[in-house]
Amino acid sequence: MTLYYSLVFALLMFEMGIFMVLIFPLPLTWRRQMFTFISTNPLIAKLQYGLKITFIFILILFIDSVNRVYRVQRELIEATHGNGPRGGATAILGPERTEVQARKFYSQRNMYLCGFTLFLSLILNRTYVLILDILRLEEEVKLGRSSGTKSIQDYEGLKEELRKKDIELEALKKQSQGLARAYDDLSDTVKSESTPKKDK
C-alpha cells in the first residue's frame, strides 16, 4: 500500500475511534463538557479545517480509484474475450491474468478505502450535529421544567391571594350592608324626631 493510502487508512481508523467516543454512553455533564471543549477550542477548529481539506484530496483519490477500477475491469473483460490491447485473438493466461486480477483487487481496495473514509466523515459530521442538538434540547427541557415549577408555584401563590381577596371582599360586603342598615335606621330615627308632632 502506498503512503497516501496508508494515511487514508490511518484516518479511517481515527474516524472510527472518534465515532466510538461519540456514541459511547456518557453521563450528561461529561458529554456536555466534552462537546463544549470541542466546540470552543481553537486548536480543534483548526484541525477540523485541515481535515476538510484532507477530505477533498481523499475525494480526488476516490475518483481516481473508481476510474482505475473501471479501466482494469474493462481490460479484464477484453482479455477474457480474446481481443486484448495487443491485438491478439488469444486470451491472456497465467501470470498476465494474475497481474490483471491483482491490479483489479488493489484498485477495488483503494476505492473502498477512500469511499468508506468519506462516508464515515459524513456520518461523523451528522452525528456530531445531532448530539449538539440533543444537548441543546435537553438544556431547554431542563430550563422549561424549572420555569414550569416556578410558574406552578406562582400560580398557586396567586390563587391563594385571590382566595384571601375574596374573603376580604365578602367581609367588606357584609360590613357595607351592616352600615347601610345602620344608616337607614339612623335616618329613620332622625326623620321621626325632626318631624313636629301635632297637638291635639
N, C-alpha and C. Protein backbone atom coordinates (compact mmCIF):
# COMPACT_ATOMS: atom_id res chain seq x y z
N MET A 1 0.86 -1.17 0.00
CA MET A 1 0.00 0.00 0.00
C MET A 1 0.90 1.24 0.00
N THR A 2 0.58 2.17 -0.88
CA THR A 2 1.39 3.39 -0.95
C THR A 2 1.17 4.26 0.28
N LEU A 3 2.02 5.28 0.41
CA LEU A 3 2.00 6.11 1.60
C LEU A 3 0.66 6.83 1.77
N TYR A 4 0.14 7.39 0.68
CA TYR A 4 -1.10 8.16 0.83
C TYR A 4 -2.28 7.26 1.16
N TYR A 5 -2.31 6.03 0.65
CA TYR A 5 -3.38 5.12 1.04
C TYR A 5 -3.20 4.63 2.47
N SER A 6 -1.95 4.54 2.92
CA SER A 6 -1.70 4.21 4.34
C SER A 6 -2.21 5.34 5.23
N LEU A 7 -2.02 6.60 4.80
CA LEU A 7 -2.54 7.73 5.56
C LEU A 7 -4.07 7.75 5.55
N VAL A 8 -4.67 7.37 4.43
CA VAL A 8 -6.13 7.30 4.36
C VAL A 8 -6.64 6.22 5.32
N PHE A 9 -5.93 5.10 5.37
CA PHE A 9 -6.32 4.03 6.29
C PHE A 9 -6.19 4.49 7.75
N ALA A 10 -5.10 5.21 8.06
CA ALA A 10 -4.93 5.74 9.42
C ALA A 10 -6.05 6.72 9.76
N LEU A 11 -6.43 7.55 8.79
CA LEU A 11 -7.53 8.48 9.01
C LEU A 11 -8.85 7.74 9.24
N LEU A 12 -9.05 6.65 8.50
CA LEU A 12 -10.26 5.84 8.70
C LEU A 12 -10.30 5.25 10.11
N MET A 13 -9.17 4.77 10.59
CA MET A 13 -9.11 4.23 11.96
C MET A 13 -9.36 5.34 12.99
N PHE A 14 -8.81 6.53 12.73
CA PHE A 14 -9.03 7.68 13.61
C PHE A 14 -10.51 8.05 13.65
N GLU A 15 -11.16 8.07 12.49
CA GLU A 15 -12.59 8.38 12.43
C GLU A 15 -13.41 7.33 13.18
N MET A 16 -13.03 6.07 13.06
CA MET A 16 -13.76 5.02 13.76
C MET A 16 -13.63 5.20 15.28
N GLY A 17 -12.43 5.57 15.74
CA GLY A 17 -12.24 5.83 17.16
C GLY A 17 -13.08 7.00 17.65
N ILE A 18 -13.11 8.08 16.87
CA ILE A 18 -13.93 9.24 17.25
C ILE A 18 -15.41 8.87 17.27
N PHE A 19 -15.83 8.08 16.30
CA PHE A 19 -17.23 7.67 16.25
C PHE A 19 -17.61 6.85 17.48
N MET A 20 -16.71 5.96 17.91
CA MET A 20 -16.98 5.16 19.10
C MET A 20 -17.07 6.06 20.34
N VAL A 21 -16.23 7.09 20.41
CA VAL A 21 -16.29 8.02 21.55
C VAL A 21 -17.61 8.80 21.52
N LEU A 22 -18.05 9.20 20.32
CA LEU A 22 -19.29 9.97 20.21
C LEU A 22 -20.52 9.17 20.64
N ILE A 23 -20.55 7.88 20.28
CA ILE A 23 -21.75 7.10 20.58
C ILE A 23 -21.66 6.39 21.92
N PHE A 24 -20.51 6.48 22.59
CA PHE A 24 -20.36 5.83 23.89
C PHE A 24 -21.25 6.53 24.91
N PRO A 25 -22.04 5.76 25.67
CA PRO A 25 -22.96 6.40 26.63
C PRO A 25 -22.20 7.01 27.80
N LEU A 26 -22.17 8.33 27.84
CA LEU A 26 -21.51 9.07 28.91
C LEU A 26 -22.56 9.82 29.72
N PRO A 27 -22.25 10.14 30.97
CA PRO A 27 -23.18 10.99 31.72
C PRO A 27 -23.34 12.35 31.03
N LEU A 28 -24.49 12.95 31.26
CA LEU A 28 -24.84 14.19 30.55
C LEU A 28 -23.83 15.30 30.82
N THR A 29 -23.36 15.42 32.05
CA THR A 29 -22.41 16.50 32.36
C THR A 29 -21.08 16.28 31.65
N TRP A 30 -20.61 15.04 31.60
CA TRP A 30 -19.35 14.76 30.90
C TRP A 30 -19.49 15.03 29.42
N ARG A 31 -20.61 14.57 28.86
CA ARG A 31 -20.85 14.77 27.43
C ARG A 31 -20.92 16.26 27.11
N ARG A 32 -21.61 17.03 27.95
CA ARG A 32 -21.73 18.47 27.73
C ARG A 32 -20.36 19.14 27.81
N GLN A 33 -19.54 18.75 28.79
CA GLN A 33 -18.20 19.32 28.92
C GLN A 33 -17.34 18.97 27.71
N MET A 34 -17.44 17.71 27.25
CA MET A 34 -16.65 17.29 26.10
C MET A 34 -17.04 18.08 24.85
N PHE A 35 -18.33 18.24 24.62
CA PHE A 35 -18.76 18.95 23.42
C PHE A 35 -18.52 20.45 23.54
N THR A 36 -18.59 20.98 24.74
CA THR A 36 -18.23 22.39 24.93
C THR A 36 -16.76 22.60 24.61
N PHE A 37 -15.91 21.68 25.05
CA PHE A 37 -14.48 21.76 24.76
C PHE A 37 -14.23 21.66 23.25
N ILE A 38 -14.90 20.72 22.60
CA ILE A 38 -14.72 20.54 21.15
C ILE A 38 -15.20 21.77 20.40
N SER A 39 -16.32 22.34 20.83
CA SER A 39 -16.90 23.48 20.11
C SER A 39 -16.12 24.77 20.30
N THR A 40 -15.47 24.94 21.45
CA THR A 40 -14.83 26.21 21.74
C THR A 40 -13.31 26.21 21.59
N ASN A 41 -12.69 25.07 21.47
CA ASN A 41 -11.23 25.01 21.39
C ASN A 41 -10.75 25.44 20.01
N PRO A 42 -9.88 26.46 19.91
CA PRO A 42 -9.42 26.92 18.59
C PRO A 42 -8.51 25.89 17.90
N LEU A 43 -7.79 25.08 18.66
CA LEU A 43 -6.92 24.06 18.07
C LEU A 43 -7.76 23.01 17.34
N ILE A 44 -8.88 22.63 17.93
CA ILE A 44 -9.75 21.64 17.29
C ILE A 44 -10.42 22.25 16.06
N ALA A 45 -10.71 23.53 16.10
CA ALA A 45 -11.29 24.20 14.92
C ALA A 45 -10.31 24.18 13.75
N LYS A 46 -9.02 24.40 14.05
CA LYS A 46 -8.00 24.32 13.00
C LYS A 46 -7.85 22.90 12.48
N LEU A 47 -7.93 21.93 13.39
CA LEU A 47 -7.85 20.52 12.99
C LEU A 47 -9.02 20.15 12.09
N GLN A 48 -10.21 20.63 12.41
CA GLN A 48 -11.38 20.35 11.57
C GLN A 48 -11.22 20.98 10.19
N TYR A 49 -10.68 22.17 10.15
CA TYR A 49 -10.44 22.83 8.85
C TYR A 49 -9.43 22.02 8.02
N GLY A 50 -8.36 21.57 8.67
CA GLY A 50 -7.37 20.75 7.96
C GLY A 50 -7.96 19.44 7.47
N LEU A 51 -8.85 18.84 8.26
CA LEU A 51 -9.48 17.59 7.84
C LEU A 51 -10.39 17.80 6.64
N LYS A 52 -11.05 18.96 6.57
CA LYS A 52 -11.90 19.24 5.41
C LYS A 52 -11.07 19.28 4.13
N ILE A 53 -9.90 19.90 4.23
CA ILE A 53 -9.01 19.94 3.05
C ILE A 53 -8.52 18.53 2.72
N THR A 54 -8.21 17.75 3.75
CA THR A 54 -7.76 16.37 3.53
C THR A 54 -8.85 15.56 2.85
N PHE A 55 -10.11 15.79 3.23
CA PHE A 55 -11.20 15.04 2.60
C PHE A 55 -11.37 15.41 1.14
N ILE A 56 -11.00 16.60 0.77
CA ILE A 56 -11.04 16.97 -0.66
C ILE A 56 -10.02 16.12 -1.42
N PHE A 57 -8.82 15.95 -0.86
CA PHE A 57 -7.82 15.10 -1.51
C PHE A 57 -8.26 13.64 -1.53
N ILE A 58 -8.93 13.19 -0.47
CA ILE A 58 -9.42 11.81 -0.46
C ILE A 58 -10.51 11.63 -1.51
N LEU A 59 -11.33 12.66 -1.73
CA LEU A 59 -12.34 12.59 -2.79
C LEU A 59 -11.67 12.44 -4.15
N ILE A 60 -10.57 13.16 -4.36
CA ILE A 60 -9.83 13.04 -5.63
C ILE A 60 -9.27 11.62 -5.76
N LEU A 61 -8.72 11.08 -4.66
CA LEU A 61 -8.22 9.70 -4.70
C LEU A 61 -9.35 8.71 -4.97
N PHE A 62 -10.53 8.97 -4.41
CA PHE A 62 -11.68 8.09 -4.64
C PHE A 62 -12.08 8.10 -6.11
N ILE A 63 -12.14 9.29 -6.70
CA ILE A 63 -12.50 9.39 -8.12
C ILE A 63 -11.46 8.67 -8.98
N ASP A 64 -10.17 8.85 -8.64
CA ASP A 64 -9.11 8.17 -9.37
C ASP A 64 -9.21 6.65 -9.23
N SER A 65 -9.52 6.18 -8.02
CA SER A 65 -9.61 4.73 -7.82
C SER A 65 -10.83 4.15 -8.54
N VAL A 66 -11.93 4.89 -8.60
CA VAL A 66 -13.09 4.42 -9.37
C VAL A 66 -12.73 4.32 -10.85
N ASN A 67 -12.00 5.32 -11.34
CA ASN A 67 -11.56 5.30 -12.74
C ASN A 67 -10.65 4.09 -12.99
N ARG A 68 -9.73 3.81 -12.07
CA ARG A 68 -8.83 2.66 -12.23
C ARG A 68 -9.60 1.34 -12.21
N VAL A 69 -10.57 1.23 -11.32
CA VAL A 69 -11.37 0.00 -11.27
C VAL A 69 -12.09 -0.20 -12.59
N TYR A 70 -12.62 0.87 -13.14
CA TYR A 70 -13.33 0.78 -14.42
C TYR A 70 -12.37 0.34 -15.54
N ARG A 71 -11.17 0.97 -15.58
CA ARG A 71 -10.20 0.61 -16.63
C ARG A 71 -9.73 -0.84 -16.51
N VAL A 72 -9.43 -1.28 -15.28
CA VAL A 72 -8.95 -2.65 -15.09
C VAL A 72 -10.06 -3.65 -15.40
N GLN A 73 -11.29 -3.32 -15.03
CA GLN A 73 -12.41 -4.20 -15.33
C GLN A 73 -12.60 -4.33 -16.84
N ARG A 74 -12.51 -3.20 -17.54
CA ARG A 74 -12.64 -3.24 -19.00
C ARG A 74 -11.50 -4.03 -19.63
N GLU A 75 -10.29 -3.84 -19.11
CA GLU A 75 -9.13 -4.58 -19.62
C GLU A 75 -9.28 -6.08 -19.37
N LEU A 76 -9.82 -6.44 -18.21
CA LEU A 76 -10.02 -7.84 -17.88
C LEU A 76 -11.08 -8.47 -18.79
N ILE A 77 -12.13 -7.73 -19.08
CA ILE A 77 -13.18 -8.24 -19.97
C ILE A 77 -12.64 -8.43 -21.38
N GLU A 78 -11.87 -7.45 -21.85
CA GLU A 78 -11.29 -7.56 -23.19
C GLU A 78 -10.32 -8.72 -23.26
N ALA A 79 -9.55 -8.92 -22.21
CA ALA A 79 -8.58 -10.01 -22.20
C ALA A 79 -9.27 -11.36 -22.13
N THR A 80 -10.39 -11.44 -21.44
CA THR A 80 -11.12 -12.71 -21.32
C THR A 80 -11.74 -13.10 -22.65
N HIS A 81 -12.21 -12.13 -23.41
CA HIS A 81 -12.84 -12.43 -24.69
C HIS A 81 -11.83 -12.58 -25.83
N GLY A 82 -10.60 -12.31 -25.58
CA GLY A 82 -9.58 -12.56 -26.58
C GLY A 82 -9.22 -11.39 -27.44
N ASN A 83 -9.83 -10.25 -27.31
CA ASN A 83 -9.43 -9.09 -28.10
C ASN A 83 -8.77 -8.09 -27.16
N GLY A 84 -7.60 -8.43 -26.72
CA GLY A 84 -6.85 -7.61 -25.78
C GLY A 84 -6.23 -6.41 -26.44
N PRO A 85 -5.53 -5.62 -25.68
CA PRO A 85 -4.95 -4.39 -26.21
C PRO A 85 -3.79 -4.67 -27.17
N ARG A 86 -3.25 -5.85 -27.14
CA ARG A 86 -2.12 -6.16 -28.02
C ARG A 86 -2.60 -6.60 -29.40
N GLY A 87 -3.90 -6.70 -29.55
CA GLY A 87 -4.43 -7.03 -30.86
C GLY A 87 -4.48 -8.52 -31.13
N GLY A 88 -4.04 -9.33 -30.20
CA GLY A 88 -4.05 -10.78 -30.40
C GLY A 88 -5.43 -11.35 -30.19
N ALA A 89 -5.69 -12.45 -30.80
CA ALA A 89 -7.00 -13.08 -30.69
C ALA A 89 -7.03 -14.10 -29.56
N THR A 90 -5.92 -14.28 -28.85
CA THR A 90 -5.89 -15.27 -27.77
C THR A 90 -6.09 -14.58 -26.43
N ALA A 91 -6.74 -15.29 -25.55
CA ALA A 91 -6.97 -14.76 -24.20
C ALA A 91 -5.69 -14.86 -23.39
N ILE A 92 -5.54 -13.94 -22.44
CA ILE A 92 -4.32 -13.97 -21.62
C ILE A 92 -4.46 -15.06 -20.57
N LEU A 93 -3.36 -15.69 -20.31
CA LEU A 93 -3.34 -16.79 -19.36
C LEU A 93 -2.18 -16.61 -18.40
N GLY A 94 -2.24 -17.34 -17.30
CA GLY A 94 -1.11 -17.42 -16.38
C GLY A 94 -0.77 -16.12 -15.69
N PRO A 95 0.54 -15.77 -15.74
CA PRO A 95 0.99 -14.61 -14.95
C PRO A 95 0.35 -13.28 -15.38
N GLU A 96 0.06 -13.13 -16.65
CA GLU A 96 -0.56 -11.87 -17.08
C GLU A 96 -1.96 -11.72 -16.49
N ARG A 97 -2.70 -12.81 -16.48
CA ARG A 97 -4.05 -12.76 -15.89
C ARG A 97 -3.97 -12.49 -14.38
N THR A 98 -3.01 -13.12 -13.73
CA THR A 98 -2.83 -12.90 -12.29
C THR A 98 -2.48 -11.44 -12.01
N GLU A 99 -1.65 -10.87 -12.87
CA GLU A 99 -1.26 -9.47 -12.69
C GLU A 99 -2.48 -8.54 -12.86
N VAL A 100 -3.34 -8.83 -13.83
CA VAL A 100 -4.54 -8.02 -14.04
C VAL A 100 -5.50 -8.19 -12.86
N GLN A 101 -5.64 -9.42 -12.37
CA GLN A 101 -6.51 -9.66 -11.21
C GLN A 101 -5.99 -8.92 -9.97
N ALA A 102 -4.65 -8.91 -9.81
CA ALA A 102 -4.06 -8.20 -8.67
C ALA A 102 -4.32 -6.70 -8.79
N ARG A 103 -4.16 -6.16 -9.99
CA ARG A 103 -4.44 -4.73 -10.18
C ARG A 103 -5.90 -4.42 -9.90
N LYS A 104 -6.79 -5.33 -10.30
CA LYS A 104 -8.22 -5.15 -10.03
C LYS A 104 -8.47 -5.15 -8.51
N PHE A 105 -7.85 -6.09 -7.81
CA PHE A 105 -8.02 -6.16 -6.36
C PHE A 105 -7.53 -4.88 -5.67
N TYR A 106 -6.33 -4.40 -6.05
CA TYR A 106 -5.78 -3.20 -5.43
C TYR A 106 -6.63 -1.96 -5.75
N SER A 107 -7.12 -1.89 -6.96
CA SER A 107 -7.96 -0.76 -7.33
C SER A 107 -9.27 -0.75 -6.54
N GLN A 108 -9.85 -1.94 -6.40
CA GLN A 108 -11.09 -2.02 -5.63
C GLN A 108 -10.84 -1.72 -4.15
N ARG A 109 -9.74 -2.24 -3.62
CA ARG A 109 -9.40 -1.97 -2.22
C ARG A 109 -9.25 -0.47 -1.99
N ASN A 110 -8.53 0.21 -2.87
CA ASN A 110 -8.34 1.65 -2.73
C ASN A 110 -9.66 2.41 -2.85
N MET A 111 -10.52 1.95 -3.76
CA MET A 111 -11.82 2.60 -3.94
C MET A 111 -12.66 2.44 -2.67
N TYR A 112 -12.72 1.24 -2.12
CA TYR A 112 -13.49 1.03 -0.90
C TYR A 112 -12.90 1.79 0.29
N LEU A 113 -11.59 1.82 0.38
CA LEU A 113 -10.92 2.53 1.47
C LEU A 113 -11.27 4.02 1.44
N CYS A 114 -11.14 4.63 0.28
CA CYS A 114 -11.46 6.06 0.16
C CYS A 114 -12.96 6.31 0.34
N GLY A 115 -13.78 5.43 -0.23
CA GLY A 115 -15.23 5.58 -0.13
C GLY A 115 -15.71 5.49 1.31
N PHE A 116 -15.23 4.49 2.04
CA PHE A 116 -15.64 4.35 3.43
C PHE A 116 -15.14 5.50 4.29
N THR A 117 -13.95 6.00 3.99
CA THR A 117 -13.42 7.14 4.75
C THR A 117 -14.29 8.37 4.53
N LEU A 118 -14.66 8.64 3.29
CA LEU A 118 -15.53 9.78 3.00
C LEU A 118 -16.92 9.60 3.62
N PHE A 119 -17.45 8.40 3.51
CA PHE A 119 -18.79 8.13 4.04
C PHE A 119 -18.80 8.28 5.56
N LEU A 120 -17.77 7.77 6.22
CA LEU A 120 -17.71 7.88 7.68
C LEU A 120 -17.52 9.33 8.11
N SER A 121 -16.84 10.13 7.30
CA SER A 121 -16.71 11.55 7.66
C SER A 121 -18.06 12.24 7.62
N LEU A 122 -18.91 11.90 6.65
CA LEU A 122 -20.26 12.47 6.61
C LEU A 122 -21.08 12.01 7.80
N ILE A 123 -20.96 10.73 8.16
CA ILE A 123 -21.70 10.20 9.31
C ILE A 123 -21.24 10.89 10.59
N LEU A 124 -19.92 11.06 10.74
CA LEU A 124 -19.38 11.73 11.93
C LEU A 124 -19.91 13.16 12.05
N ASN A 125 -19.90 13.87 10.94
CA ASN A 125 -20.38 15.25 10.96
C ASN A 125 -21.85 15.30 11.38
N ARG A 126 -22.66 14.45 10.79
CA ARG A 126 -24.09 14.45 11.11
C ARG A 126 -24.33 14.02 12.56
N THR A 127 -23.59 13.02 13.04
CA THR A 127 -23.73 12.56 14.42
C THR A 127 -23.36 13.68 15.39
N TYR A 128 -22.28 14.39 15.09
CA TYR A 128 -21.84 15.50 15.94
C TYR A 128 -22.92 16.57 16.03
N VAL A 129 -23.51 16.93 14.89
CA VAL A 129 -24.57 17.95 14.87
C VAL A 129 -25.80 17.47 15.64
N LEU A 130 -26.17 16.19 15.47
CA LEU A 130 -27.34 15.67 16.17
C LEU A 130 -27.12 15.64 17.68
N ILE A 131 -25.93 15.27 18.11
CA ILE A 131 -25.65 15.23 19.55
C ILE A 131 -25.68 16.65 20.12
N LEU A 132 -25.15 17.62 19.38
CA LEU A 132 -25.23 19.02 19.84
C LEU A 132 -26.69 19.46 19.97
N ASP A 133 -27.53 19.07 19.01
CA ASP A 133 -28.96 19.41 19.08
C ASP A 133 -29.62 18.75 20.29
N ILE A 134 -29.26 17.50 20.54
CA ILE A 134 -29.83 16.79 21.70
C ILE A 134 -29.44 17.48 22.99
N LEU A 135 -28.17 17.87 23.11
CA LEU A 135 -27.72 18.56 24.32
C LEU A 135 -28.43 19.89 24.50
N ARG A 136 -28.62 20.63 23.40
CA ARG A 136 -29.32 21.92 23.47
C ARG A 136 -30.77 21.71 23.89
N LEU A 137 -31.43 20.70 23.32
CA LEU A 137 -32.83 20.44 23.66
C LEU A 137 -32.98 19.96 25.10
N GLU A 138 -32.03 19.14 25.57
CA GLU A 138 -32.08 18.70 26.97
C GLU A 138 -31.92 19.89 27.91
N GLU A 139 -31.06 20.84 27.53
CA GLU A 139 -30.89 22.04 28.35
C GLU A 139 -32.18 22.86 28.37
N GLU A 140 -32.85 22.98 27.21
CA GLU A 140 -34.11 23.72 27.15
C GLU A 140 -35.19 23.04 27.97
N VAL A 141 -35.23 21.71 27.93
CA VAL A 141 -36.22 20.98 28.72
C VAL A 141 -35.96 21.18 30.20
N LYS A 142 -34.68 21.14 30.57
CA LYS A 142 -34.32 21.35 31.97
C LYS A 142 -34.74 22.75 32.44
N LEU A 143 -34.47 23.76 31.60
CA LEU A 143 -34.89 25.13 31.94
C LEU A 143 -36.42 25.25 31.96
N GLY A 144 -37.07 24.56 31.02
CA GLY A 144 -38.53 24.59 30.97
C GLY A 144 -39.16 23.96 32.20
N ARG A 145 -38.56 22.87 32.68
CA ARG A 145 -39.08 22.23 33.89
C ARG A 145 -38.92 23.14 35.10
N SER A 146 -37.75 23.76 35.21
CA SER A 146 -37.54 24.64 36.37
C SER A 146 -38.46 25.85 36.30
N SER A 147 -38.62 26.44 35.10
CA SER A 147 -39.53 27.58 34.98
C SER A 147 -40.97 27.12 35.12
N GLY A 148 -41.27 25.89 34.69
CA GLY A 148 -42.61 25.35 34.87
C GLY A 148 -42.93 25.16 36.34
N THR A 149 -41.96 24.71 37.12
CA THR A 149 -42.16 24.57 38.56
C THR A 149 -42.37 25.93 39.19
N LYS A 150 -41.58 26.93 38.76
CA LYS A 150 -41.76 28.28 39.28
C LYS A 150 -43.12 28.83 38.90
N SER A 151 -43.57 28.59 37.67
CA SER A 151 -44.86 29.13 37.26
C SER A 151 -45.99 28.43 38.01
N ILE A 152 -45.84 27.15 38.32
CA ILE A 152 -46.86 26.46 39.10
C ILE A 152 -46.90 27.04 40.52
N GLN A 153 -45.71 27.31 41.09
CA GLN A 153 -45.66 27.91 42.41
C GLN A 153 -46.27 29.31 42.37
N ASP A 154 -45.96 30.07 41.33
CA ASP A 154 -46.56 31.40 41.18
C ASP A 154 -48.07 31.30 41.06
N TYR A 155 -48.53 30.34 40.30
CA TYR A 155 -49.97 30.15 40.11
C TYR A 155 -50.64 29.83 41.44
N GLU A 156 -50.03 28.93 42.20
CA GLU A 156 -50.60 28.57 43.50
C GLU A 156 -50.61 29.78 44.43
N GLY A 157 -49.54 30.59 44.42
CA GLY A 157 -49.49 31.80 45.25
C GLY A 157 -50.56 32.79 44.86
N LEU A 158 -50.73 32.99 43.54
CA LEU A 158 -51.77 33.91 43.07
C LEU A 158 -53.16 33.39 43.42
N LYS A 159 -53.34 32.10 43.35
CA LYS A 159 -54.63 31.51 43.69
C LYS A 159 -54.94 31.74 45.18
N GLU A 160 -53.93 31.59 46.02
CA GLU A 160 -54.11 31.83 47.46
C GLU A 160 -54.43 33.30 47.73
N GLU A 161 -53.73 34.21 47.03
CA GLU A 161 -54.01 35.63 47.19
C GLU A 161 -55.44 35.96 46.75
N LEU A 162 -55.87 35.36 45.66
CA LEU A 162 -57.23 35.59 45.17
C LEU A 162 -58.26 35.10 46.19
N ARG A 163 -58.01 33.95 46.81
CA ARG A 163 -58.92 33.42 47.83
C ARG A 163 -59.00 34.39 49.02
N LYS A 164 -57.83 34.93 49.43
CA LYS A 164 -57.82 35.90 50.54
C LYS A 164 -58.58 37.17 50.16
N LYS A 165 -58.41 37.64 48.95
CA LYS A 165 -59.11 38.85 48.50
C LYS A 165 -60.62 38.60 48.45
N ASP A 166 -61.03 37.38 48.03
CA ASP A 166 -62.45 37.06 48.01
C ASP A 166 -63.04 37.10 49.42
N ILE A 167 -62.28 36.57 50.39
CA ILE A 167 -62.74 36.60 51.79
C ILE A 167 -62.85 38.04 52.27
N GLU A 168 -61.85 38.86 51.95
CA GLU A 168 -61.89 40.27 52.34
C GLU A 168 -63.06 40.99 51.67
N LEU A 169 -63.33 40.68 50.41
CA LEU A 169 -64.44 41.30 49.69
C LEU A 169 -65.78 40.93 50.33
N GLU A 170 -65.93 39.65 50.70
CA GLU A 170 -67.17 39.22 51.36
C GLU A 170 -67.33 39.96 52.69
N ALA A 171 -66.22 40.10 53.44
CA ALA A 171 -66.29 40.82 54.72
C ALA A 171 -66.68 42.28 54.49
N LEU A 172 -66.11 42.91 53.45
CA LEU A 172 -66.46 44.30 53.14
C LEU A 172 -67.92 44.42 52.71
N LYS A 173 -68.43 43.44 51.97
CA LYS A 173 -69.84 43.47 51.56
C LYS A 173 -70.75 43.40 52.78
N LYS A 174 -70.43 42.48 53.71
CA LYS A 174 -71.24 42.35 54.93
C LYS A 174 -71.17 43.63 55.75
N GLN A 175 -69.96 44.20 55.82
CA GLN A 175 -69.78 45.44 56.58
C GLN A 175 -70.57 46.57 55.94
N SER A 176 -70.52 46.65 54.61
CA SER A 176 -71.26 47.72 53.93
C SER A 176 -72.76 47.53 54.08
N GLN A 177 -73.24 46.28 54.07
CA GLN A 177 -74.66 46.03 54.27
C GLN A 177 -75.08 46.42 55.70
N GLY A 178 -74.21 46.08 56.65
CA GLY A 178 -74.49 46.47 58.04
C GLY A 178 -74.50 47.99 58.19
N LEU A 179 -73.56 48.66 57.57
CA LEU A 179 -73.52 50.13 57.63
C LEU A 179 -74.75 50.73 56.95
N ALA A 180 -75.16 50.13 55.84
CA ALA A 180 -76.33 50.64 55.14
C ALA A 180 -77.57 50.49 56.01
N ARG A 181 -77.71 49.34 56.70
CA ARG A 181 -78.85 49.14 57.59
C ARG A 181 -78.81 50.14 58.76
N ALA A 182 -77.62 50.33 59.31
CA ALA A 182 -77.49 51.27 60.42
C ALA A 182 -77.81 52.69 59.96
N TYR A 183 -77.38 53.05 58.77
CA TYR A 183 -77.68 54.38 58.21
C TYR A 183 -79.17 54.54 58.01
N ASP A 184 -79.80 53.50 57.46
CA ASP A 184 -81.24 53.57 57.25
C ASP A 184 -81.98 53.73 58.58
N ASP A 185 -81.58 52.94 59.57
CA ASP A 185 -82.21 53.05 60.89
C ASP A 185 -82.00 54.44 61.49
N LEU A 186 -80.79 54.92 61.38
CA LEU A 186 -80.47 56.23 61.93
C LEU A 186 -81.23 57.33 61.20
N SER A 187 -81.32 57.21 59.89
CA SER A 187 -82.03 58.24 59.13
C SER A 187 -83.52 58.20 59.45
N ASP A 188 -84.05 56.99 59.65
CA ASP A 188 -85.46 56.89 60.04
C ASP A 188 -85.68 57.53 61.41
N THR A 189 -84.76 57.30 62.30
CA THR A 189 -84.88 57.87 63.65
C THR A 189 -84.78 59.38 63.58
N VAL A 190 -83.86 59.90 62.81
CA VAL A 190 -83.69 61.35 62.69
C VAL A 190 -84.91 61.95 62.05
N LYS A 191 -85.48 61.31 61.06
CA LYS A 191 -86.69 61.84 60.40
C LYS A 191 -87.85 61.88 61.39
N SER A 192 -87.97 60.80 62.13
CA SER A 192 -89.10 60.76 63.06
C SER A 192 -88.94 61.80 64.17
N GLU A 193 -87.76 62.08 64.58
CA GLU A 193 -87.54 63.09 65.62
C GLU A 193 -87.66 64.50 65.05
N SER A 194 -87.32 64.71 63.85
CA SER A 194 -87.32 66.04 63.29
C SER A 194 -88.72 66.47 62.82
N THR A 195 -89.59 65.59 62.59
CA THR A 195 -90.93 66.00 62.20
C THR A 195 -91.70 66.47 63.44
N PRO A 196 -92.34 67.65 63.39
CA PRO A 196 -93.04 68.15 64.58
C PRO A 196 -94.31 67.36 64.81
N LYS A 197 -94.58 67.14 66.07
CA LYS A 197 -95.78 66.40 66.46
C LYS A 197 -96.94 67.40 66.56
N LYS A 198 -98.07 67.00 66.05
CA LYS A 198 -99.25 67.87 66.09
C LYS A 198 -99.94 67.74 67.45
N ASP A 199 -100.30 68.91 67.96
CA ASP A 199 -101.01 68.91 69.25
C ASP A 199 -102.48 68.63 69.02
N LYS A 200 -103.00 67.93 69.92
CA LYS A 200 -104.42 67.61 69.83
C LYS A 200 -105.17 68.50 70.73
